């Protein structure tokens, strides 16, 4: 085999090995191909500078977590997080939602800027001690997942006007409380980027994909 043939063979082999990697990078980080998640909630748009659009963000709050510590929006600043509303004695959808939140914990537990938050809609029963026991029962990791309680009026207001989901007492609902099955995805700026059915395995898988997209967004400059 001549030297030229050897070089051609080496070049072909190099191309075979390199091209798939280049295609992957182009597909997942190229500005023209990158899939960006939508924004949810009311927004204010300046017609002359649409890049300055102001999107709905989760409002300030200050409640108490399962360790008896103050837990507020400040603890979530700079983090991608998933929030849900539940109650410990829920006889219907909560167990499935918790199972899928656990899947998220398992998948993203090693990322310091990722978090899970579960707000109880039955704070009169779900005290710090009750939430602590629940957290231990489901094997939640303290550094990843907070269970939060506080005045019910504040929690319901936060659910309805902040996360834009149901969170209320309802005698007609099983267990006496009405709350959404949605797992709410929030980005590092406190903006809602997705709603996923917490009772569905397929939807939870979609949520995992969406979380990964959010982590990539900060490295891909795109217009909102």
C-alpha atoms as a PDB file:
ATOM      1  CA  UNK A   1       0.000   0.000   0.000  1.00  0.00           C
ATOM      2  CA  UNK A   2       1.407   3.387  -1.029  1.00  0.00           C
ATOM      3  CA  UNK A   3       1.847   6.319   1.330  1.00  0.00           C
ATOM      4  CA  UNK A   4      -0.964   8.189  -0.468  1.00  0.00           C
ATOM      5  CA  UNK A   5      -3.337   5.258   0.006  1.00  0.00           C
ATOM      6  CA  UNK A   6      -2.450   5.108   3.675  1.00  0.00           C
ATOM      7  CA  UNK A   7      -3.233   8.821   4.068  1.00  0.00           C
ATOM      8  CA  UNK A   8      -6.562   8.423   2.254  1.00  0.00           C
ATOM      9  CA  UNK A   9      -7.507   5.468   4.457  1.00  0.00           C
ATOM     10  CA  UNK A  10      -6.578   7.405   7.593  1.00  0.00           C
ATOM     11  CA  UNK A  11      -8.570  10.400   6.390  1.00  0.00           C
ATOM     12  CA  UNK A  12     -11.664   8.311   5.759  1.00  0.00           C
ATOM     13  CA  UNK A  13     -11.398   6.676   9.177  1.00  0.00           C
ATOM     14  CA  UNK A  14     -10.966  10.077  10.832  1.00  0.00           C
ATOM     15  CA  UNK A  15     -14.047  11.412   9.057  1.00  0.00           C
ATOM     16  CA  UNK A  16     -16.115   8.400  10.083  1.00  0.00           C
ATOM     17  CA  UNK A  17     -15.152   8.919  13.714  1.00  0.00           C
ATOM     18  CA  UNK A  18     -15.472  12.698  13.774  1.00  0.00           C
ATOM     19  CA  UNK A  19     -18.571  13.433  11.718  1.00  0.00           C
ATOM     20  CA  UNK A  20     -21.096  11.880  14.125  1.00  0.00           C
ATOM     21  CA  UNK A  21     -19.704  14.013  16.949  1.00  0.00           C
ATOM     22  CA  UNK A  22     -19.865  17.163  14.832  1.00  0.00           C
ATOM     23  CA  UNK A  23     -23.423  16.346  13.795  1.00  0.00           C
ATOM     24  CA  UNK A  24     -24.418  15.795  17.441  1.00  0.00           C
ATOM     25  CA  UNK A  25     -22.947  19.142  18.480  1.00  0.00           C
ATOM     26  CA  UNK A  26     -24.649  20.907  15.601  1.00  0.00           C
ATOM     27  CA  UNK A  27     -27.977  19.277  16.364  1.00  0.00           C
ATOM     28  CA  UNK A  28     -27.926  20.002  20.087  1.00  0.00           C
ATOM     29  CA  UNK A  29     -26.140  23.347  20.282  1.00  0.00           C
ATOM     30  CA  UNK A  30     -26.619  24.970  16.902  1.00  0.00           C
ATOM     31  CA  UNK A  31     -28.713  28.129  17.203  1.00  0.00           C
ATOM     32  CA  UNK A  32     -30.859  27.152  14.225  1.00  0.00           C
ATOM     33  CA  UNK A  33     -31.677  23.707  15.548  1.00  0.00           C
ATOM     34  CA  UNK A  34     -31.905  24.247  19.279  1.00  0.00           C
ATOM     35  CA  UNK A  35     -35.379  23.687  20.687  1.00  0.00           C
ATOM     36  CA  UNK A  36     -36.244  26.359  23.217  1.00  0.00           C
ATOM     37  CA  UNK A  37     -39.004  25.930  25.769  1.00  0.00           C
ATOM     38  CA  UNK A  38     -41.959  28.319  25.816  1.00  0.00           C
ATOM     39  CA  UNK A  39     -42.734  30.814  28.568  1.00  0.00           C
ATOM     40  CA  UNK A  40     -46.021  30.606  30.473  1.00  0.00           C
ATOM     41  CA  UNK A  41     -48.113  33.285  32.082  1.00  0.00           C
ATOM     42  CA  UNK A  42     -48.789  36.943  31.351  1.00  0.00           C
ATOM     43  CA  UNK A  43     -46.037  38.990  29.778  1.00  0.00           C
ATOM     44  CA  UNK A  44     -45.247  42.577  28.866  1.00  0.00           C
ATOM     45  CA  UNK A  45     -43.755  43.230  25.443  1.00  0.00           C
ATOM     46  CA  UNK A  46     -42.090  46.433  24.294  1.00  0.00           C
ATOM     47  CA  UNK A  47     -42.865  46.686  20.534  1.00  0.00           C
ATOM     48  CA  UNK A  48     -39.653  48.565  19.840  1.00  0.00           C
ATOM     49  CA  UNK A  49     -37.420  46.207  21.831  1.00  0.00           C
ATOM     50  CA  UNK A  50     -39.075  42.751  21.944  1.00  0.00           C
ATOM     51  CA  UNK A  51     -35.885  41.306  23.399  1.00  0.00           C
ATOM     52  CA  UNK A  52     -36.822  43.146  26.591  1.00  0.00           C
ATOM     53  CA  UNK A  53     -40.008  41.132  27.068  1.00  0.00           C
ATOM     54  CA  UNK A  54     -40.901  40.792  30.742  1.00  0.00           C
ATOM     55  CA  UNK A  55     -42.259  37.340  31.523  1.00  0.00           C
ATOM     56  CA  UNK A  56     -44.297  36.211  34.500  1.00  0.00           C
ATOM     57  CA  UNK A  57     -42.102  35.127  37.401  1.00  0.00           C
ATOM     58  CA  UNK A  58     -42.824  33.309  40.655  1.00  0.00           C
ATOM     59  CA  UNK A  59     -43.464  35.985  43.321  1.00  0.00           C
ATOM     60  CA  UNK A  60     -41.588  36.323  46.572  1.00  0.00           C
ATOM     61  CA  UNK A  61     -42.618  33.970  49.361  1.00  0.00           C
ATOM     62  CA  UNK A  62     -41.360  32.875  52.747  1.00  0.00           C
ATOM     63  CA  UNK A  63     -42.579  29.596  54.247  1.00  0.00           C
ATOM     64  CA  UNK A  64     -41.145  26.712  56.324  1.00  0.00           C
ATOM     65  CA  UNK A  65     -39.595  23.478  55.121  1.00  0.00           C
ATOM     66  CA  UNK A  66     -39.636  19.976  56.570  1.00  0.00           C
ATOM     67  CA  UNK A  67     -36.564  20.733  58.662  1.00  0.00           C
ATOM     68  CA  UNK A  68     -38.234  23.690  60.364  1.00  0.00           C
ATOM     69  CA  UNK A  69     -36.116  26.168  58.403  1.00  0.00           C
ATOM     70  CA  UNK A  70     -37.286  29.251  56.568  1.00  0.00           C
ATOM     71  CA  UNK A  71     -37.642  28.417  52.899  1.00  0.00           C
ATOM     72  CA  UNK A  72     -38.192  31.233  50.422  1.00  0.00           C
ATOM     73  CA  UNK A  73     -37.839  32.187  46.786  1.00  0.00           C
ATOM     74  CA  UNK A  74     -34.292  33.303  47.634  1.00  0.00           C
ATOM     75  CA  UNK A  75     -33.324  29.647  48.159  1.00  0.00           C
ATOM     76  CA  UNK A  76     -34.310  28.947  44.548  1.00  0.00           C
ATOM     77  CA  UNK A  77     -32.549  31.856  42.883  1.00  0.00           C
ATOM     78  CA  UNK A  78     -30.211  30.703  40.134  1.00  0.00           C
ATOM     79  CA  UNK A  79     -31.696  27.196  40.129  1.00  0.00           C
ATOM     80  CA  UNK A  80     -33.835  25.235  37.728  1.00  0.00           C
ATOM     81  CA  UNK A  81     -36.559  23.626  39.786  1.00  0.00           C
ATOM     82  CA  UNK A  82     -39.744  21.594  39.648  1.00  0.00           C
ATOM     83  CA  UNK A  83     -42.616  22.388  42.001  1.00  0.00           C
ATOM     84  CA  UNK A  84     -45.814  20.559  42.848  1.00  0.00           C
ATOM     85  CA  UNK A  85     -48.714  20.898  45.280  1.00  0.00           C
ATOM     86  CA  UNK A  86     -49.751  17.877  47.339  1.00  0.00           C
ATOM     87  CA  UNK A  87     -50.788  16.729  50.811  1.00  0.00           C
ATOM     88  CA  UNK A  88     -49.547  13.828  52.883  1.00  0.00           C
ATOM     89  CA  UNK A  89     -52.913  12.077  53.320  1.00  0.00           C
ATOM     90  CA  UNK A  90     -53.903  12.463  49.663  1.00  0.00           C
ATOM     91  CA  UNK A  91     -55.720   9.249  48.602  1.00  0.00           C
ATOM     92  CA  UNK A  92     -55.540   9.754  44.843  1.00  0.00           C
ATOM     93  CA  UNK A  93     -52.876  11.355  42.645  1.00  0.00           C
ATOM     94  CA  UNK A  94     -50.206  12.367  45.173  1.00  0.00           C
ATOM     95  CA  UNK A  95     -48.485   8.966  45.473  1.00  0.00           C
ATOM     96  CA  UNK A  96     -47.931   8.871  41.694  1.00  0.00           C
ATOM     97  CA  UNK A  97     -46.703  12.438  41.695  1.00  0.00           C
ATOM     98  CA  UNK A  98     -44.262  11.694  44.502  1.00  0.00           C
ATOM     99  CA  UNK A  99     -42.993   8.622  42.658  1.00  0.00           C
ATOM    100  CA  UNK A 100     -42.256  10.744  39.598  1.00  0.00           C
ATOM    101  CA  UNK A 101     -40.626  13.474  41.671  1.00  0.00           C
ATOM    102  CA  UNK A 102     -38.382  10.753  43.046  1.00  0.00           C
ATOM    103  CA  UNK A 103     -37.449   9.837  39.481  1.00  0.00           C
ATOM    104  CA  UNK A 104     -36.383  13.442  38.925  1.00  0.00           C
ATOM    105  CA  UNK A 105     -34.351  13.351  42.141  1.00  0.00           C
ATOM    106  CA  UNK A 106     -32.631  10.171  41.008  1.00  0.00           C
ATOM    107  CA  UNK A 107     -31.850  11.608  37.580  1.00  0.00           C
ATOM    108  CA  UNK A 108     -30.617  15.083  38.600  1.00  0.00           C
ATOM    109  CA  UNK A 109     -29.507  14.741  42.249  1.00  0.00           C
ATOM    110  CA  UNK A 110     -25.882  15.570  41.472  1.00  0.00           C
ATOM    111  CA  UNK A 111     -26.622  18.957  39.903  1.00  0.00           C
ATOM    112  CA  UNK A 112     -26.193  21.700  42.505  1.00  0.00           C
ATOM    113  CA  UNK A 113     -28.371  24.153  40.573  1.00  0.00           C
ATOM    114  CA  UNK A 114     -31.391  21.835  40.374  1.00  0.00           C
ATOM    115  CA  UNK A 115     -34.101  21.532  43.017  1.00  0.00           C
ATOM    116  CA  UNK A 116     -37.484  20.017  43.845  1.00  0.00           C
ATOM    117  CA  UNK A 117     -40.173  21.714  45.949  1.00  0.00           C
ATOM    118  CA  UNK A 118     -43.457  20.255  47.200  1.00  0.00           C
ATOM    119  CA  UNK A 119     -45.977  22.634  48.780  1.00  0.00           C
ATOM    120  CA  UNK A 120     -48.632  21.115  51.012  1.00  0.00           C
ATOM    121  CA  UNK A 121     -52.227  22.255  50.480  1.00  0.00           C
ATOM    122  CA  UNK A 122     -53.158  20.926  53.935  1.00  0.00           C
ATOM    123  CA  UNK A 123     -50.798  22.813  56.250  1.00  0.00           C
ATOM    124  CA  UNK A 124     -53.054  22.378  59.274  1.00  0.00           C
ATOM    125  CA  UNK A 125     -52.249  18.661  59.202  1.00  0.00           C
ATOM    126  CA  UNK A 126     -48.934  18.687  57.372  1.00  0.00           C
ATOM    127  CA  UNK A 127     -46.785  20.211  60.082  1.00  0.00           C
ATOM    128  CA  UNK A 128     -43.000  20.328  60.000  1.00  0.00           C
ATOM    129  CA  UNK A 129     -42.888  17.020  61.883  1.00  0.00           C
ATOM    130  CA  UNK A 130     -45.336  15.345  59.495  1.00  0.00           C
ATOM    131  CA  UNK A 131     -43.458  16.572  56.433  1.00  0.00           C
ATOM    132  CA  UNK A 132     -40.143  15.481  57.952  1.00  0.00           C
ATOM    133  CA  UNK A 133     -41.464  11.960  58.443  1.00  0.00           C
ATOM    134  CA  UNK A 134     -42.923  11.951  54.932  1.00  0.00           C
ATOM    135  CA  UNK A 135     -39.610  13.102  53.490  1.00  0.00           C
ATOM    136  CA  UNK A 136     -37.810  10.261  55.235  1.00  0.00           C
ATOM    137  CA  UNK A 137     -40.445   7.724  54.170  1.00  0.00           C
ATOM    138  CA  UNK A 138     -40.057   8.554  50.493  1.00  0.00           C
ATOM    139  CA  UNK A 139     -36.252   8.808  50.812  1.00  0.00           C
ATOM    140  CA  UNK A 140     -36.015  12.407  49.691  1.00  0.00           C
ATOM    141  CA  UNK A 141     -32.551  13.978  49.718  1.00  0.00           C
ATOM    142  CA  UNK A 142     -32.480  17.145  51.833  1.00  0.00           C
ATOM    143  CA  UNK A 143     -30.117  18.990  49.517  1.00  0.00           C
ATOM    144  CA  UNK A 144     -32.368  18.304  46.521  1.00  0.00           C
ATOM    145  CA  UNK A 145     -35.972  18.297  47.723  1.00  0.00           C
ATOM    146  CA  UNK A 146     -37.869  20.523  50.161  1.00  0.00           C
ATOM    147  CA  UNK A 147     -41.375  19.896  51.496  1.00  0.00           C
ATOM    148  CA  UNK A 148     -42.934  23.196  52.451  1.00  0.00           C
ATOM    149  CA  UNK A 149     -45.727  24.286  54.788  1.00  0.00           C
ATOM    150  CA  UNK A 150     -47.053  27.566  56.149  1.00  0.00           C
ATOM    151  CA  UNK A 151     -50.233  29.651  56.327  1.00  0.00           C
ATOM    152  CA  UNK A 152     -52.730  28.114  53.939  1.00  0.00           C
ATOM    153  CA  UNK A 153     -53.818  31.477  52.519  1.00  0.00           C
ATOM    154  CA  UNK A 154     -50.232  32.195  51.462  1.00  0.00           C
ATOM    155  CA  UNK A 155     -49.796  28.746  49.925  1.00  0.00           C
ATOM    156  CA  UNK A 156     -53.079  28.954  48.015  1.00  0.00           C
ATOM    157  CA  UNK A 157     -52.231  32.443  46.754  1.00  0.00           C
ATOM    158  CA  UNK A 158     -48.794  31.255  45.663  1.00  0.00           C
ATOM    159  CA  UNK A 159     -50.310  28.293  43.852  1.00  0.00           C
ATOM    160  CA  UNK A 160     -53.005  30.246  42.041  1.00  0.00           C
ATOM    161  CA  UNK A 161     -51.262  33.514  41.167  1.00  0.00           C
ATOM    162  CA  UNK A 162     -47.646  32.322  41.265  1.00  0.00           C
ATOM    163  CA  UNK A 163     -47.504  28.842  39.766  1.00  0.00           C
ATOM    164  CA  UNK A 164     -50.981  29.231  38.221  1.00  0.00           C
ATOM    165  CA  UNK A 165     -52.308  25.874  39.460  1.00  0.00           C
ATOM    166  CA  UNK A 166     -55.191  24.809  41.692  1.00  0.00           C
ATOM    167  CA  UNK A 167     -54.499  24.724  45.423  1.00  0.00           C
ATOM    168  CA  UNK A 168     -57.501  24.970  47.727  1.00  0.00           C
ATOM    169  CA  UNK A 169     -59.862  23.286  50.127  1.00  0.00           C
ATOM    170  CA  UNK A 170     -62.778  21.502  48.471  1.00  0.00           C
ATOM    171  CA  UNK A 171     -65.230  19.323  50.360  1.00  0.00           C
ATOM    172  CA  UNK A 172     -66.256  17.670  47.094  1.00  0.00           C
ATOM    173  CA  UNK A 173     -62.714  16.484  46.318  1.00  0.00           C
ATOM    174  CA  UNK A 174     -61.357  13.213  47.666  1.00  0.00           C
ATOM    175  CA  UNK A 175     -59.391  13.974  50.809  1.00  0.00           C
ATOM    176  CA  UNK A 176     -60.992  17.412  51.098  1.00  0.00           C
ATOM    177  CA  UNK A 177     -58.493  19.340  48.972  1.00  0.00           C
ATOM    178  CA  UNK A 178     -58.304  20.265  45.319  1.00  0.00           C
ATOM    179  CA  UNK A 179     -54.850  20.555  43.798  1.00  0.00           C
ATOM    180  CA  UNK A 180     -53.299  20.206  40.395  1.00  0.00           C
ATOM    181  CA  UNK A 181     -51.482  17.150  39.099  1.00  0.00           C
ATOM    182  CA  UNK A 182     -49.030  19.401  37.244  1.00  0.00           C
ATOM    183  CA  UNK A 183     -45.307  19.355  37.878  1.00  0.00           C
ATOM    184  CA  UNK A 184     -44.266  22.939  37.161  1.00  0.00           C
ATOM    185  CA  UNK A 185     -40.868  23.585  35.591  1.00  0.00           C
ATOM    186  CA  UNK A 186     -39.263  26.909  36.509  1.00  0.00           C
ATOM    187  CA  UNK A 187     -36.034  28.300  35.085  1.00  0.00           C
ATOM    188  CA  UNK A 188     -33.158  30.058  36.840  1.00  0.00           C
ATOM    189  CA  UNK A 189     -34.869  33.432  36.483  1.00  0.00           C
ATOM    190  CA  UNK A 190     -38.073  32.258  38.143  1.00  0.00           C
ATOM    191  CA  UNK A 191     -40.052  31.973  34.890  1.00  0.00           C
ATOM    192  CA  UNK A 192     -42.452  29.094  34.258  1.00  0.00           C
ATOM    193  CA  UNK A 193     -41.250  27.008  31.319  1.00  0.00           C
ATOM    194  CA  UNK A 194     -43.545  23.988  31.354  1.00  0.00           C
ATOM    195  CA  UNK A 195     -46.391  21.993  32.897  1.00  0.00           C
ATOM    196  CA  UNK A 196     -46.157  18.197  32.965  1.00  0.00           C
ATOM    197  CA  UNK A 197     -48.678  15.661  34.226  1.00  0.00           C
ATOM    198  CA  UNK A 198     -47.182  14.271  37.428  1.00  0.00           C
ATOM    199  CA  UNK A 199     -49.293  11.120  37.203  1.00  0.00           C
ATOM    200  CA  UNK A 200     -47.850  10.132  33.810  1.00  0.00           C
ATOM    201  CA  UNK A 201     -44.553   8.331  33.280  1.00  0.00           C
ATOM    202  CA  UNK A 202     -44.398   9.516  29.674  1.00  0.00           C
ATOM    203  CA  UNK A 203     -44.928  13.129  30.758  1.00  0.00           C
ATOM    204  CA  UNK A 204     -42.244  12.777  33.417  1.00  0.00           C
ATOM    205  CA  UNK A 205     -39.828  11.562  30.757  1.00  0.00           C
ATOM    206  CA  UNK A 206     -40.735  14.621  28.694  1.00  0.00           C
ATOM    207  CA  UNK A 207     -40.044  16.746  31.756  1.00  0.00           C
ATOM    208  CA  UNK A 208     -36.582  15.239  32.087  1.00  0.00           C
ATOM    209  CA  UNK A 209     -35.878  16.199  28.478  1.00  0.00           C
ATOM    210  CA  UNK A 210     -37.165  19.709  29.133  1.00  0.00           C
ATOM    211  CA  UNK A 211     -34.886  20.085  32.162  1.00  0.00           C
ATOM    212  CA  UNK A 212     -31.888  19.146  30.055  1.00  0.00           C
ATOM    213  CA  UNK A 213     -32.935  21.702  27.439  1.00  0.00           C
ATOM    214  CA  UNK A 214     -33.085  24.409  30.105  1.00  0.00           C
ATOM    215  CA  UNK A 215     -29.567  23.614  31.241  1.00  0.00           C
ATOM    216  CA  UNK A 216     -28.383  23.960  27.635  1.00  0.00           C
ATOM    217  CA  UNK A 217     -30.231  27.237  27.045  1.00  0.00           C
ATOM    218  CA  UNK A 218     -27.795  29.293  29.072  1.00  0.00           C
ATOM    219  CA  UNK A 219     -24.989  28.267  26.698  1.00  0.00           C
ATOM    220  CA  UNK A 220     -26.918  28.946  23.492  1.00  0.00           C
ATOM    221  CA  UNK A 221     -27.622  32.630  22.793  1.00  0.00           C
ATOM    222  CA  UNK A 222     -31.107  32.831  21.298  1.00  0.00           C
ATOM    223  CA  UNK A 223     -33.682  35.578  21.171  1.00  0.00           C
ATOM    224  CA  UNK A 224     -36.704  35.047  23.398  1.00  0.00           C
END
